[in-house]
Amino acid sequence: MAECPVLAPQWPVPDGVRALTTVRSGGHSAAPWASFNLATHTGDDPAAVAANRRLLRDCAELPADPVWLEQVHGAEVVAAHRVARGVRADAAWTDRAGVVCAVLTADCLPVLFAARDAQVVAAAHAGWRGLAGGVLEAVVAVLPVPAAELHAWLGPAIGPTAFEVGPEVVEAFTARDPGAAEGFIPGAANRWYADLYRLARRRLQAAGVAAVHGGGWCTYTDRARFFSHRRDGPTGRMASLVYREEP
């Protein structure tokens, strides 16, 4: 794992849970997807993406290929052990060992979940639309454990100094939760800067998840480590994965 182009989440999950998020370097893709792009929908050479996915499975010693989703910025949650790869959804969960839940991001927020007893894990893709639409609450609601028994980890996303949005984004959050205004900093010309990490923590805590870890990266400003769609336009995607190990 030390030589694999990944970051290991720092969260107090029990033995039996494995999680990681990839970085942009160390793969086979050419520019503008250079180089560890794991997404098939960005225009990259399919052979390079396939090679990157093989590299991920081998170097991270995954028990199986990840259950890749067709992400649509919604709030659909699927059981990864029951669906075919490529299902339209923005989150997946499982209580089966050896099933790898995965989401792809390049500015949107990846959120990983694990139960305190290691019996359930999940991964969610939370861009602002999915976050406002309740994808994190949908994950908490579908998991067969109480929210208070969950750990959540916030992976690399665009940071609050770079994520400029319009008033419609502010309205999407504050119409449901007026206190979500704390997640926005006023900019110029009726623009705002959104803090996805703060907004996600607020949503998770309201859903009963008190143990929230991670956050603090910025995919936009950390060009060396992360892809950023807002910064670069056509670009690759990182993957965030979580799974239960076989007993």
Protein backbone atom coordinates (compact mmCIF):
# COMPACT_ATOMS: atom_id res chain seq x y z
CA MET A 1 0.00 0.00 0.00
CA ALA A 2 2.90 2.39 0.69
CA GLU A 3 3.79 2.52 -3.05
CA CYS A 4 0.22 2.87 -4.22
CA PRO A 5 -0.88 6.38 -5.35
CA VAL A 6 -3.51 6.73 -2.63
CA LEU A 7 -4.25 8.54 0.62
CA ALA A 8 -5.43 6.59 3.65
CA PRO A 9 -8.28 8.20 5.63
CA GLN A 10 -7.45 9.13 9.21
CA TRP A 11 -10.53 7.95 11.08
CA PRO A 12 -10.95 5.59 14.06
CA VAL A 13 -12.72 2.76 12.27
CA PRO A 14 -12.36 -0.79 13.60
CA ASP A 15 -10.21 -3.54 12.17
CA GLY A 16 -11.92 -5.08 9.21
CA VAL A 17 -12.66 -1.81 7.40
CA ARG A 18 -10.37 -0.67 4.59
CA ALA A 19 -10.68 2.71 2.91
CA LEU A 20 -8.65 4.90 0.57
CA THR A 21 -8.83 7.78 -1.86
CA THR A 22 -6.59 8.03 -4.90
CA VAL A 23 -4.44 10.94 -6.04
CA ARG A 24 -3.90 12.09 -9.62
CA SER A 25 -0.31 10.87 -10.16
CA GLY A 26 1.21 7.44 -10.76
CA GLY A 27 -1.05 6.17 -13.55
CA HIS A 28 -1.11 5.60 -17.30
CA SER A 29 -3.28 8.41 -18.72
CA ALA A 30 -1.91 11.22 -20.90
CA ALA A 31 -2.83 14.89 -20.54
CA PRO A 32 -5.34 16.32 -19.77
CA TRP A 33 -6.19 13.22 -17.73
CA ALA A 34 -2.65 12.73 -16.44
CA SER A 35 -2.19 10.37 -14.99
CA PHE A 36 -4.17 8.15 -12.57
CA ASN A 37 -7.63 8.79 -14.00
CA LEU A 38 -10.18 6.16 -12.97
CA ALA A 39 -13.25 7.45 -14.84
CA THR A 40 -14.50 6.13 -18.17
CA HIS A 41 -16.80 9.08 -18.97
CA THR A 42 -14.24 11.90 -19.31
CA GLY A 43 -12.95 11.23 -22.85
CA ASP A 44 -9.77 9.47 -21.75
CA ASP A 45 -8.37 6.50 -23.68
CA PRO A 46 -10.37 3.49 -22.44
CA ALA A 47 -7.21 1.37 -22.45
CA ALA A 48 -5.48 3.83 -20.12
CA VAL A 49 -8.46 3.87 -17.75
CA ALA A 50 -8.56 0.07 -17.75
CA ALA A 51 -4.84 -0.02 -16.95
CA ASN A 52 -5.34 2.47 -14.13
CA ARG A 53 -8.17 0.38 -12.68
CA ARG A 54 -6.02 -2.75 -12.82
CA LEU A 55 -3.21 -0.82 -11.09
CA LEU A 56 -5.59 0.29 -8.35
CA ARG A 57 -6.86 -3.22 -7.72
CA ASP A 58 -3.36 -4.71 -7.69
CA CYS A 59 -1.44 -2.11 -5.68
CA ALA A 60 -4.24 -1.54 -3.15
CA GLU A 61 -4.80 -5.31 -2.92
CA LEU A 62 -8.55 -4.93 -3.38
CA PRO A 63 -10.61 -8.10 -2.89
CA ALA A 64 -12.65 -7.36 -6.06
CA ASP A 65 -13.20 -4.70 -8.69
CA PRO A 66 -15.03 -1.71 -7.22
CA VAL A 67 -18.74 -1.38 -7.92
CA TRP A 68 -18.47 1.69 -10.16
CA LEU A 69 -21.61 3.85 -10.39
CA GLU A 70 -22.98 6.11 -13.11
CA GLN A 71 -23.17 9.22 -10.97
CA VAL A 72 -25.87 11.77 -11.76
CA HIS A 73 -25.65 14.34 -8.91
CA GLY A 74 -28.73 12.88 -7.25
CA ALA A 75 -29.58 11.13 -3.98
CA GLU A 76 -30.12 7.53 -5.10
CA VAL A 77 -28.48 4.93 -2.84
CA VAL A 78 -28.01 1.31 -3.93
CA ALA A 79 -26.86 -1.89 -2.24
CA ALA A 80 -23.53 -2.58 -3.92
CA HIS A 81 -23.91 -6.33 -3.41
CA ARG A 82 -27.20 -6.39 -5.35
CA VAL A 83 -26.58 -4.21 -8.42
CA ALA A 84 -24.61 -4.39 -11.64
CA ARG A 85 -21.69 -2.05 -12.17
CA GLY A 86 -22.72 1.12 -13.95
CA VAL A 87 -26.06 1.52 -12.15
CA ARG A 88 -27.29 5.14 -11.99
CA ALA A 89 -26.79 6.22 -8.39
CA ASP A 90 -24.67 8.52 -6.27
CA ALA A 91 -24.08 6.30 -3.25
CA ALA A 92 -23.64 2.63 -2.46
CA TRP A 93 -23.58 0.58 0.72
CA THR A 94 -22.94 -3.02 1.68
CA ASP A 95 -22.89 -5.36 4.64
CA ARG A 96 -21.02 -8.02 2.68
CA ALA A 97 -17.29 -8.60 3.03
CA GLY A 98 -15.25 -8.22 -0.13
CA VAL A 99 -17.66 -5.84 -1.91
CA VAL A 100 -15.92 -2.54 -2.71
CA CYS A 101 -18.09 0.61 -2.64
CA ALA A 102 -16.65 3.44 -4.77
CA VAL A 103 -17.34 6.99 -5.93
CA LEU A 104 -15.46 9.19 -8.41
CA THR A 105 -14.80 12.91 -7.84
CA ALA A 106 -12.82 15.90 -9.12
CA ASP A 107 -14.14 18.75 -6.91
CA CYS A 108 -17.32 17.12 -5.55
CA LEU A 109 -17.13 15.75 -2.03
CA PRO A 110 -16.62 12.01 -1.46
CA VAL A 111 -17.99 10.78 1.86
CA LEU A 112 -17.19 7.34 3.25
CA PHE A 113 -19.14 5.65 6.04
CA ALA A 114 -18.38 2.75 8.36
CA ALA A 115 -20.28 1.33 11.30
CA ARG A 116 -18.49 1.17 14.64
CA ASP A 117 -18.79 -2.62 14.60
CA ALA A 118 -17.40 -2.81 11.02
CA GLN A 119 -20.49 -4.60 9.74
CA VAL A 120 -21.65 -1.92 7.28
CA VAL A 121 -19.82 0.49 4.95
CA ALA A 122 -20.91 3.03 2.33
CA ALA A 123 -19.59 5.62 -0.12
CA ALA A 124 -21.39 8.74 -1.34
CA HIS A 125 -20.75 11.31 -4.08
CA ALA A 126 -21.84 14.72 -2.78
CA GLY A 127 -21.53 17.63 -5.15
CA TRP A 128 -23.58 20.64 -4.15
CA ARG A 129 -26.68 19.31 -5.93
CA GLY A 130 -26.50 15.91 -4.27
CA LEU A 131 -25.66 17.44 -0.92
CA ALA A 132 -28.60 19.85 -1.12
CA GLY A 133 -30.79 17.03 -2.40
CA GLY A 134 -30.12 14.87 0.64
CA VAL A 135 -27.74 12.17 -0.57
CA LEU A 136 -26.00 11.94 2.81
CA GLU A 137 -29.28 11.70 4.70
CA ALA A 138 -30.40 9.03 2.23
CA VAL A 139 -27.32 6.95 3.03
CA VAL A 140 -27.87 7.27 6.77
CA ALA A 141 -31.54 6.32 6.36
CA VAL A 142 -30.87 3.17 4.34
CA LEU A 143 -28.07 1.73 6.47
CA PRO A 144 -29.25 -0.99 8.87
CA VAL A 145 -27.51 0.59 11.88
CA PRO A 146 -28.37 3.66 14.00
CA ALA A 147 -26.83 6.93 12.84
CA ALA A 148 -25.08 7.28 16.19
CA GLU A 149 -23.12 4.10 15.40
CA LEU A 150 -21.60 5.50 12.19
CA HIS A 151 -18.28 7.11 11.38
CA ALA A 152 -18.15 9.40 8.34
CA TRP A 153 -15.02 10.59 6.53
CA LEU A 154 -14.92 13.62 4.21
CA GLY A 155 -12.45 13.19 1.36
CA PRO A 156 -10.77 15.70 -0.97
CA ALA A 157 -13.12 18.34 -2.45
CA ILE A 158 -12.99 21.90 -3.71
CA GLY A 159 -12.32 24.19 -0.76
CA PRO A 160 -14.25 27.25 0.47
CA THR A 161 -11.75 29.75 -0.93
CA ALA A 162 -12.23 28.41 -4.47
CA PHE A 163 -15.84 27.23 -4.78
CA GLU A 164 -17.63 30.33 -6.08
CA VAL A 165 -21.38 29.86 -6.57
CA GLY A 166 -24.49 31.88 -7.38
CA PRO A 167 -27.43 32.73 -5.14
CA GLU A 168 -29.39 29.72 -6.41
CA VAL A 169 -26.95 27.44 -4.58
CA VAL A 170 -27.36 29.37 -1.35
CA GLU A 171 -31.13 29.17 -1.77
CA ALA A 172 -31.00 25.41 -2.40
CA PHE A 173 -29.53 24.93 1.08
CA THR A 174 -31.14 27.67 3.13
CA ALA A 175 -34.68 27.00 1.87
CA ARG A 176 -34.54 23.72 3.78
CA ASP A 177 -32.21 24.82 6.59
CA PRO A 178 -31.81 28.57 7.22
CA GLY A 179 -28.81 27.84 9.43
CA ALA A 180 -26.94 26.53 6.37
CA ALA A 181 -26.11 30.16 5.64
CA GLU A 182 -23.06 29.57 7.85
CA GLY A 183 -21.63 27.50 5.00
CA PHE A 184 -21.40 30.48 2.63
CA ILE A 185 -19.12 33.52 2.53
CA PRO A 186 -20.30 36.55 0.52
CA GLY A 187 -18.23 37.45 -2.52
CA ALA A 188 -18.57 40.18 -5.12
CA ALA A 189 -21.46 40.81 -7.53
CA ASN A 190 -24.01 38.58 -5.77
CA ARG A 191 -21.65 35.64 -5.72
CA TRP A 192 -20.80 33.42 -2.76
CA TYR A 193 -18.10 30.98 -1.68
CA ALA A 194 -19.48 27.63 -0.53
CA ASP A 195 -17.87 25.43 2.12
CA LEU A 196 -18.85 21.88 1.15
CA TYR A 197 -17.13 20.47 4.23
CA ARG A 198 -19.09 22.66 6.61
CA LEU A 199 -22.35 22.03 4.81
CA ALA A 200 -21.75 18.26 4.85
CA ARG A 201 -20.90 18.24 8.55
CA ARG A 202 -24.09 20.16 9.27
CA ARG A 203 -26.19 17.69 7.26
CA LEU A 204 -24.54 14.65 8.85
CA GLN A 205 -24.88 15.94 12.38
CA ALA A 206 -28.55 16.78 11.79
CA ALA A 207 -29.00 13.19 10.60
CA GLY A 208 -27.48 11.89 13.84
CA VAL A 209 -23.91 11.19 12.71
CA ALA A 210 -21.72 12.81 15.35
CA ALA A 211 -18.41 11.14 14.41
CA VAL A 212 -17.36 13.08 11.30
CA HIS A 213 -13.70 13.08 10.26
CA GLY A 214 -11.53 14.39 7.43
CA GLY A 215 -12.00 17.52 5.37
CA GLY A 216 -9.62 20.41 4.89
CA TRP A 217 -8.25 19.68 1.41
CA CYS A 218 -8.84 21.75 -1.71
CA THR A 219 -8.80 19.95 -5.03
CA TYR A 220 -8.75 23.27 -6.89
CA THR A 221 -5.61 24.68 -5.27
CA ASP A 222 -3.68 21.41 -4.77
CA ARG A 223 -2.82 20.84 -8.42
CA ALA A 224 -0.04 18.36 -7.68
CA ARG A 225 -2.27 15.86 -5.88
CA PHE A 226 -5.81 16.28 -7.16
CA PHE A 227 -7.88 16.55 -10.31
CA SER A 228 -10.19 19.58 -10.45
CA HIS A 229 -12.88 19.94 -13.09
CA ARG A 230 -13.48 23.59 -12.21
CA ARG A 231 -9.79 24.42 -12.51
CA ASP A 232 -8.93 22.40 -15.63
CA GLY A 233 -12.13 21.59 -17.51
CA PRO A 234 -11.57 18.15 -19.13
CA THR A 235 -9.63 16.16 -16.55
CA GLY A 236 -9.54 12.88 -14.68
CA ARG A 237 -11.30 11.63 -11.56
CA MET A 238 -10.05 10.33 -8.22
CA ALA A 239 -11.73 7.36 -6.57
CA SER A 240 -12.71 6.98 -2.93
CA LEU A 241 -13.28 3.40 -1.82
CA VAL A 242 -14.42 1.55 1.29
CA TYR A 243 -14.99 -2.14 1.96
CA ARG A 244 -15.15 -4.80 4.65
CA GLU A 245 -12.35 -7.31 4.72
CA GLU A 246 -13.08 -11.01 4.77
CA PRO A 247 -13.00 -12.37 8.35
